[in-house]
Amino acid sequence: MAGTTVLAVNIRAGGSRAAVDALVARACGHHPDVAIFSEYRDNRTGASLRAALDERGFVHQADSEGGPKNGVLIAAREAFAAIANPFGLSAEEYPNAVLQATLANGLRVYGVYLPGQIRKRPHLRCLIATARRTDEAGIEALCIGDFNSGRDATDIEINAGRARLRDAFDTADLYLELEREWTEAWLHLHPGTLEYSWYPFRLKDARPPRNGWRIDKAFVSRALLPRLASAEYDHGFRTEKLTDHSALVVSFSG
């Protein structure tokens, strides 16, 4: 299997038409084979995003069919097979939160934008079950995007270094269960490091308070883990005000 690079970024409430070209240019600067955009919406800005990606060679595209609601867009240079709502969730369970893509090289990718608070519990349960089945079958799989969840002690900046936590994720229990099934790529390669991928959006350049969250993650299956080569955040997406999230770029060797 050839080497593969996957980039994921949350574009913030459907994205900004004024920022589309700069956002796509920055994403393409990482030379990804696959690009995943969460909080994608099928509207005029979404059409501009897809056109800009098409012009840069990402001609194969699929979305999670969320319409005007936040969902997921996957774009790639080579053809892939896509399944919207792969877990068969009901309309009340935010079915547009997950999009499955199987690449030509066999890699299975789950692009995610999990909803806030406890609304993501069905998705996490499905991901845990999927992780177990995937590992049993020896399938190379990657789950990447905005999880809106994490570890209470380290993934919420105001908690870092404190004995008494000041905030907590509503789904930290299921998140940790998922972490026991699949390996979280960035943490695996950066043990003991603190870094945050989301801060509240600010138009001014004032130094942000300690309110960062690391909620943009990538999980790899047991079969894929030996090929994990790198996992890095690009904070320029935030600092250049293209969105309120940093991008996550994950690469795998051939």
Protein backbone atom coordinates (compact mmCIF):
# COMPACT_ATOMS: atom_id res chain seq x y z
CA MET A 1 0.00 0.00 0.00
CA ALA A 2 1.30 3.45 -0.92
CA GLY A 3 1.92 6.14 1.66
CA THR A 4 -1.08 8.34 2.48
CA THR A 5 -1.51 11.79 4.01
CA VAL A 6 -4.86 12.89 5.42
CA LEU A 7 -5.72 16.43 6.53
CA ALA A 8 -8.76 17.31 8.63
CA VAL A 9 -10.02 20.75 9.65
CA ASN A 10 -13.23 22.18 11.07
CA ILE A 11 -14.23 25.16 8.91
CA ARG A 12 -16.53 26.79 11.50
CA ALA A 13 -20.28 26.92 10.88
CA GLY A 14 -20.07 26.17 7.18
CA GLY A 15 -17.02 28.33 6.58
CA SER A 16 -16.52 31.85 5.24
CA ARG A 17 -16.74 32.48 1.49
CA ALA A 18 -14.09 35.16 1.87
CA ALA A 19 -11.69 32.65 3.45
CA VAL A 20 -12.31 29.68 1.13
CA ASP A 21 -9.41 30.25 -1.27
CA ALA A 22 -6.89 30.88 1.51
CA LEU A 23 -8.16 27.90 3.51
CA VAL A 24 -7.90 25.53 0.53
CA ALA A 25 -4.46 26.90 -0.38
CA ARG A 26 -3.18 26.29 3.14
CA ALA A 27 -4.65 22.80 3.18
CA CYS A 28 -3.07 21.95 -0.18
CA GLY A 29 0.28 23.18 1.13
CA HIS A 30 0.44 19.95 3.14
CA HIS A 31 0.00 17.89 -0.07
CA PRO A 32 -2.69 15.64 1.35
CA ASP A 33 -4.13 12.73 -0.58
CA VAL A 34 -7.41 13.19 1.29
CA ALA A 35 -8.88 16.33 2.88
CA ILE A 36 -11.74 16.25 5.39
CA PHE A 37 -13.78 19.30 6.33
CA SER A 38 -16.11 19.23 9.31
CA GLU A 39 -18.95 21.68 9.93
CA TYR A 40 -19.37 21.59 6.15
CA ARG A 41 -22.75 22.76 4.89
CA ASP A 42 -24.31 22.21 1.48
CA ASN A 43 -24.88 25.88 0.68
CA ARG A 44 -23.23 28.63 -1.41
CA THR A 45 -20.08 28.61 0.72
CA GLY A 46 -19.97 24.84 0.51
CA ALA A 47 -20.23 25.06 -3.27
CA SER A 48 -17.34 27.55 -3.33
CA LEU A 49 -15.25 25.20 -1.19
CA ARG A 50 -15.93 22.23 -3.45
CA ALA A 51 -15.12 24.26 -6.57
CA ALA A 52 -11.83 25.47 -5.09
CA LEU A 53 -10.88 21.90 -4.18
CA ASP A 54 -11.83 20.68 -7.66
CA GLU A 55 -9.55 23.29 -9.24
CA ARG A 56 -6.64 21.96 -7.17
CA GLY A 57 -7.14 18.35 -8.18
CA PHE A 58 -9.48 17.11 -5.46
CA VAL A 59 -12.08 16.10 -8.01
CA HIS A 60 -13.51 13.18 -6.07
CA GLN A 61 -15.85 14.45 -3.36
CA ALA A 62 -18.63 13.24 -1.10
CA ASP A 63 -20.52 14.74 1.81
CA SER A 64 -22.53 13.32 4.68
CA GLU A 65 -25.78 14.66 3.22
CA GLY A 66 -26.55 16.99 6.09
CA GLY A 67 -27.81 19.74 3.77
CA PRO A 68 -27.75 23.12 5.54
CA LYS A 69 -26.78 21.46 8.85
CA ASN A 70 -23.20 20.88 9.94
CA GLY A 71 -21.74 17.74 8.42
CA VAL A 72 -18.61 16.33 6.79
CA LEU A 73 -17.06 16.75 3.34
CA ILE A 74 -14.35 14.38 2.09
CA ALA A 75 -12.31 15.31 -0.99
CA ALA A 76 -9.56 13.24 -2.59
CA ARG A 77 -7.32 13.14 -5.63
CA GLU A 78 -8.30 9.56 -6.41
CA ALA A 79 -11.71 7.91 -6.50
CA PHE A 80 -13.15 6.46 -3.30
CA ALA A 81 -16.35 4.73 -2.23
CA ALA A 82 -18.42 6.74 0.26
CA ILE A 83 -21.15 5.78 2.71
CA ALA A 84 -23.14 8.52 4.43
CA ASN A 85 -24.48 7.65 7.90
CA PRO A 86 -22.59 4.33 8.01
CA PHE A 87 -24.03 3.49 11.45
CA GLY A 88 -27.65 3.91 10.34
CA LEU A 89 -28.54 6.49 12.99
CA SER A 90 -32.01 8.03 13.02
CA ALA A 91 -32.83 11.58 11.98
CA GLU A 92 -32.94 12.58 15.67
CA GLU A 93 -29.42 11.23 16.28
CA TYR A 94 -27.47 13.58 13.96
CA PRO A 95 -26.81 11.01 11.22
CA ASN A 96 -24.74 13.51 9.19
CA ALA A 97 -21.99 13.46 11.82
CA VAL A 98 -19.99 10.61 10.22
CA LEU A 99 -18.99 9.89 6.62
CA GLN A 100 -17.17 6.68 5.67
CA ALA A 101 -14.80 6.54 2.72
CA THR A 102 -12.87 3.54 1.41
CA LEU A 103 -9.85 4.62 -0.61
CA ALA A 104 -8.47 2.87 -3.67
CA ASN A 105 -5.58 1.53 -1.57
CA GLY A 106 -8.03 -0.14 0.82
CA LEU A 107 -7.70 2.33 3.69
CA ARG A 108 -11.04 2.91 5.40
CA VAL A 109 -11.51 6.49 6.60
CA TYR A 110 -14.22 7.79 8.91
CA GLY A 111 -14.53 11.57 8.71
CA VAL A 112 -16.35 12.89 11.79
CA TYR A 113 -17.95 15.99 13.19
CA LEU A 114 -19.51 14.80 16.43
CA PRO A 115 -22.23 17.03 17.89
CA GLY A 116 -21.85 18.83 21.19
CA GLN A 117 -22.62 17.62 24.70
CA ILE A 118 -24.27 14.22 25.23
CA ARG A 119 -25.69 14.20 21.69
CA LYS A 120 -22.53 12.41 20.54
CA ARG A 121 -22.99 9.37 22.79
CA PRO A 122 -24.63 7.22 20.04
CA HIS A 123 -21.78 8.04 17.67
CA LEU A 124 -19.09 7.14 20.19
CA ARG A 125 -20.82 3.85 21.01
CA CYS A 126 -20.95 3.02 17.31
CA LEU A 127 -17.29 3.95 16.86
CA ILE A 128 -16.29 1.74 19.78
CA ALA A 129 -18.16 -1.21 18.28
CA THR A 130 -16.70 -0.46 14.85
CA ALA A 131 -13.19 -0.32 16.31
CA ARG A 132 -13.59 -3.76 17.83
CA ARG A 133 -14.93 -5.29 14.60
CA THR A 134 -12.26 -3.57 12.52
CA ASP A 135 -9.44 -4.85 14.69
CA GLU A 136 -10.85 -8.36 14.72
CA ALA A 137 -10.93 -8.29 10.92
CA GLY A 138 -7.44 -6.78 10.60
CA ILE A 139 -8.72 -3.81 8.59
CA GLU A 140 -6.60 -0.66 8.24
CA ALA A 141 -8.88 2.17 9.37
CA LEU A 142 -8.59 5.82 10.36
CA CYS A 143 -11.17 7.93 12.19
CA ILE A 144 -10.38 11.64 12.03
CA GLY A 145 -12.03 15.01 12.60
CA ASP A 146 -13.70 17.04 15.34
CA PHE A 147 -14.71 14.72 18.18
CA ASN A 148 -15.88 17.46 20.56
CA SER A 149 -14.56 15.24 23.33
CA GLY A 150 -11.32 14.18 24.97
CA ARG A 151 -9.51 13.63 28.24
CA ASP A 152 -10.69 15.94 31.03
CA ALA A 153 -7.29 16.46 32.66
CA THR A 154 -5.19 17.29 29.59
CA ASP A 155 -7.46 18.23 26.67
CA ILE A 156 -9.06 21.23 28.43
CA GLU A 157 -6.46 23.95 28.95
CA ILE A 158 -7.85 25.36 32.21
CA ASN A 159 -7.56 21.89 33.76
CA ALA A 160 -3.92 21.34 32.82
CA GLY A 161 -1.72 20.95 35.88
CA ARG A 162 -4.61 21.24 38.34
CA ALA A 163 -5.50 18.64 40.93
CA ARG A 164 -9.12 19.83 40.87
CA LEU A 165 -10.74 20.02 37.44
CA ARG A 166 -12.64 23.16 36.47
CA ASP A 167 -14.42 21.74 33.42
CA ALA A 168 -15.21 18.33 31.97
CA PHE A 169 -16.39 16.61 28.80
CA ASP A 170 -19.88 15.13 28.97
CA THR A 171 -18.66 12.05 27.11
CA ALA A 172 -15.20 11.56 28.60
CA ASP A 173 -16.16 8.03 29.69
CA LEU A 174 -16.99 6.84 26.17
CA TYR A 175 -14.07 8.76 24.71
CA LEU A 176 -11.64 6.90 26.98
CA GLU A 177 -13.30 3.62 25.99
CA LEU A 178 -12.70 4.45 22.32
CA GLU A 179 -9.10 5.31 23.17
CA ARG A 180 -8.66 1.83 24.63
CA GLU A 181 -9.79 0.26 21.34
CA TRP A 182 -8.00 2.45 18.79
CA THR A 183 -4.78 4.45 19.19
CA GLU A 184 -5.02 8.25 19.21
CA ALA A 185 -2.35 9.21 16.67
CA TRP A 186 -1.14 12.59 17.92
CA LEU A 187 -0.95 11.51 21.55
CA HIS A 188 0.87 8.33 20.56
CA LEU A 189 3.60 10.36 18.84
CA HIS A 190 3.67 13.25 21.35
CA PRO A 191 3.34 11.66 24.80
CA GLY A 192 3.27 14.13 27.67
CA THR A 193 2.84 17.14 25.35
CA LEU A 194 0.06 19.70 25.82
CA GLU A 195 -1.35 21.36 22.71
CA TYR A 196 -4.80 22.68 21.84
CA SER A 197 -6.68 22.67 18.55
CA TRP A 198 -9.63 24.99 19.24
CA TYR A 199 -10.05 28.41 20.81
CA PRO A 200 -13.13 30.66 20.69
CA PHE A 201 -13.04 32.69 17.49
CA ARG A 202 -11.48 36.14 17.95
CA LEU A 203 -11.23 38.85 15.33
CA LYS A 204 -8.77 40.84 17.43
CA ASP A 205 -5.21 39.67 17.99
CA ALA A 206 -5.43 39.84 21.75
CA ARG A 207 -3.69 36.98 23.51
CA PRO A 208 -6.33 34.33 24.17
CA PRO A 209 -7.06 33.28 27.76
CA ARG A 210 -6.45 29.71 28.89
CA ASN A 211 -9.55 28.36 27.17
CA GLY A 212 -8.14 26.03 24.54
CA TRP A 213 -9.50 22.55 23.90
CA ARG A 214 -7.86 19.64 22.04
CA ILE A 215 -10.87 18.12 20.34
CA ASP A 216 -9.55 17.48 16.82
CA LYS A 217 -8.22 13.94 16.84
CA ALA A 218 -7.26 10.97 14.69
CA PHE A 219 -7.63 7.34 15.77
CA VAL A 220 -5.95 4.46 13.97
CA SER A 221 -6.82 0.79 13.98
CA ARG A 222 -4.45 -1.88 15.25
CA ALA A 223 -3.55 -2.97 11.70
CA LEU A 224 -2.77 0.60 10.60
CA LEU A 225 -0.73 1.68 13.62
CA PRO A 226 2.63 0.26 12.41
CA ARG A 227 2.43 2.57 9.37
CA LEU A 228 1.73 5.76 11.35
CA ALA A 229 4.52 8.17 10.41
CA SER A 230 3.45 11.60 11.69
CA ALA A 231 0.58 13.54 13.25
CA GLU A 232 0.87 17.31 13.56
CA TYR A 233 -1.40 20.30 14.10
CA ASP A 234 -1.24 23.31 11.80
CA HIS A 235 -2.31 26.23 14.01
CA GLY A 236 -2.01 28.66 11.12
CA PHE A 237 -5.62 27.95 10.20
CA ARG A 238 -6.55 29.58 13.53
CA THR A 239 -3.92 32.30 13.73
CA GLU A 240 -4.73 33.47 10.21
CA LYS A 241 -8.44 33.60 11.17
CA LEU A 242 -9.45 31.13 8.47
CA THR A 243 -11.43 29.18 11.08
CA ASP A 244 -11.43 28.64 14.83
CA HIS A 245 -9.78 25.20 14.66
CA SER A 246 -6.28 24.04 13.90
CA ALA A 247 -5.94 21.44 11.17
CA LEU A 248 -4.65 17.97 11.94
CA VAL A 249 -2.37 16.33 9.37
CA VAL A 250 -1.65 12.60 9.67
CA SER A 251 0.69 10.64 7.40
CA PHE A 252 1.23 6.91 6.92
CA SER A 253 4.18 5.17 5.32
CA GLY A 254 3.86 2.82 2.38
